[in-house]
Amino acid sequence: MLDMASAGTLGTVAVEYQRSYIKIETLRGKNPTEFHSALCEVCGEQTVDRSTVSGWATRFCEGHVTINDDQKPGRLKTSTDEQSVKLVADFLAQDRRATCKEISQATGISPTSVFRILTNYLQKRKICA
């Protein structure tokens, strides 16, 4: 069993666990202000804001099932793969004085990703702007 007194000011509770508690208390029909006060007693300064508690309570009342954040709109972030590294390396082998912008236009890879590939993966130190 966890000894809360030895955990400092009643310990640190991760945001995910606070969301779980918010979900449980919402399902029990409690007021967000009530369970925010209870969270403050347990979590101290690590408690999520009252507006956050109210927002999550509203989402759970509307039928939101998971405690995870919704996927954000927009383009998905992609990791640099071997194919992209090979494209940049091959282009650089043909024209070693090419700029990041030129490589980007020729390969279809963003200039930021080209720069990251050149510096992190290909270990190039002197990069043309």
Protein backbone atom coordinates (compact mmCIF):
# COMPACT_ATOMS: atom_id res chain seq x y z
CA MET A 1 0.00 0.00 0.00
CA LEU A 2 1.18 3.51 -0.83
CA ASP A 3 2.07 5.63 2.18
CA MET A 4 0.83 9.05 1.07
CA ALA A 5 2.39 10.91 4.00
CA SER A 6 5.87 9.78 2.94
CA ALA A 7 5.27 11.00 -0.61
CA GLY A 8 5.65 14.66 0.34
CA THR A 9 2.60 16.89 -0.03
CA LEU A 10 0.51 13.83 -0.67
CA GLY A 11 2.49 12.86 -3.76
CA THR A 12 2.47 13.58 -7.46
CA VAL A 13 -0.43 12.38 -9.56
CA ALA A 14 0.01 12.26 -13.34
CA VAL A 15 -2.47 14.12 -15.53
CA GLU A 16 -3.78 10.81 -16.92
CA TYR A 17 -4.76 9.69 -13.42
CA GLN A 18 -6.38 13.05 -12.74
CA ARG A 19 -8.42 12.61 -15.94
CA SER A 20 -9.44 9.14 -14.77
CA TYR A 21 -10.61 10.59 -11.48
CA ILE A 22 -12.51 13.34 -13.33
CA LYS A 23 -14.20 10.69 -15.46
CA ILE A 24 -15.20 8.59 -12.44
CA GLU A 25 -16.55 11.56 -10.50
CA THR A 26 -18.42 12.81 -13.57
CA LEU A 27 -20.05 9.41 -14.00
CA ARG A 28 -21.01 9.53 -10.31
CA GLY A 29 -22.80 12.83 -11.02
CA LYS A 30 -20.60 15.11 -8.95
CA ASN A 31 -19.99 18.79 -9.66
CA PRO A 32 -16.59 19.64 -11.28
CA THR A 33 -15.91 22.22 -8.55
CA GLU A 34 -16.31 19.52 -5.89
CA PHE A 35 -13.86 17.09 -7.41
CA HIS A 36 -11.42 19.87 -8.35
CA SER A 37 -11.24 20.64 -4.62
CA ALA A 38 -10.57 16.97 -3.90
CA LEU A 39 -7.84 16.91 -6.56
CA CYS A 40 -6.27 20.00 -4.98
CA GLU A 41 -6.12 18.23 -1.61
CA VAL A 42 -4.30 15.26 -3.11
CA CYS A 43 -2.19 16.82 -5.87
CA GLY A 44 -1.43 20.26 -4.44
CA GLU A 45 0.24 22.52 -6.99
CA GLN A 46 0.29 19.70 -9.58
CA THR A 47 -3.50 19.82 -9.94
CA VAL A 48 -4.87 20.65 -13.37
CA ASP A 49 -6.74 23.99 -13.64
CA ARG A 50 -10.39 24.24 -12.72
CA SER A 51 -11.21 25.13 -16.34
CA THR A 52 -9.45 21.95 -17.47
CA VAL A 53 -11.46 19.90 -14.97
CA SER A 54 -14.68 21.49 -16.21
CA GLY A 55 -13.70 20.90 -19.83
CA TRP A 56 -12.98 17.23 -19.29
CA ALA A 57 -16.16 16.80 -17.21
CA THR A 58 -18.16 18.31 -20.10
CA ARG A 59 -16.49 15.97 -22.58
CA PHE A 60 -17.28 12.93 -20.43
CA CYS A 61 -20.91 14.08 -20.00
CA GLU A 62 -21.17 14.34 -23.79
CA GLY A 63 -20.11 10.70 -24.13
CA HIS A 64 -16.36 11.02 -24.68
CA VAL A 65 -15.05 7.60 -23.69
CA THR A 66 -11.26 7.76 -23.58
CA ILE A 67 -9.09 9.85 -21.25
CA ASN A 68 -6.59 10.48 -24.06
CA ASP A 69 -6.44 13.70 -26.05
CA ASP A 70 -8.12 13.77 -29.44
CA GLN A 71 -5.90 13.64 -32.49
CA LYS A 72 -4.99 17.14 -33.57
CA PRO A 73 -5.95 18.28 -37.09
CA GLY A 74 -3.36 18.91 -39.73
CA ARG A 75 -0.55 17.07 -41.34
CA LEU A 76 0.84 14.12 -39.42
CA LYS A 77 4.43 14.33 -38.31
CA THR A 78 6.57 11.77 -40.07
CA SER A 79 9.90 10.48 -39.03
CA THR A 80 12.86 10.65 -41.35
CA ASP A 81 13.09 7.30 -43.10
CA GLU A 82 15.94 5.61 -44.93
CA GLN A 83 14.45 6.46 -48.32
CA SER A 84 14.54 10.20 -47.57
CA VAL A 85 18.12 9.97 -46.34
CA LYS A 86 19.09 8.09 -49.51
CA LEU A 87 17.37 10.69 -51.73
CA VAL A 88 19.26 13.54 -50.07
CA ALA A 89 22.57 11.64 -50.11
CA ASP A 90 22.17 10.75 -53.80
CA PHE A 91 21.32 14.35 -54.72
CA LEU A 92 24.27 15.62 -52.70
CA ALA A 93 26.57 13.14 -54.48
CA GLN A 94 25.56 14.68 -57.82
CA ASP A 95 25.89 18.29 -56.66
CA ARG A 96 27.84 18.78 -53.46
CA ARG A 97 27.24 22.56 -53.53
CA ALA A 98 23.45 22.31 -53.59
CA THR A 99 21.55 24.35 -51.04
CA CYS A 100 18.92 22.95 -48.69
CA LYS A 101 16.27 24.76 -50.74
CA GLU A 102 17.49 23.20 -54.00
CA ILE A 103 17.61 19.74 -52.47
CA SER A 104 14.14 20.29 -51.03
CA GLN A 105 12.69 21.33 -54.39
CA ALA A 106 14.31 18.42 -56.22
CA THR A 107 13.35 15.72 -53.72
CA GLY A 108 10.01 16.98 -52.41
CA ILE A 109 11.27 16.88 -48.82
CA SER A 110 10.77 19.96 -46.65
CA PRO A 111 13.81 22.24 -46.19
CA THR A 112 13.74 21.62 -42.44
CA SER A 113 13.84 17.86 -42.96
CA VAL A 114 16.62 18.22 -45.54
CA PHE A 115 18.66 20.22 -43.03
CA ARG A 116 18.02 17.62 -40.31
CA ILE A 117 19.06 14.80 -42.65
CA LEU A 118 22.24 16.62 -43.67
CA THR A 119 23.30 17.44 -40.12
CA ASN A 120 22.02 14.50 -38.09
CA TYR A 121 22.13 11.57 -40.48
CA LEU A 122 24.79 12.47 -43.02
CA GLN A 123 26.97 14.32 -40.47
CA LYS A 124 27.53 17.33 -42.73
CA ARG A 125 28.77 20.42 -40.92
CA LYS A 126 29.00 23.07 -43.63
CA ILE A 127 25.60 23.55 -45.15
CA CYS A 128 24.73 25.99 -47.95
CA ALA A 129 21.71 28.13 -47.07
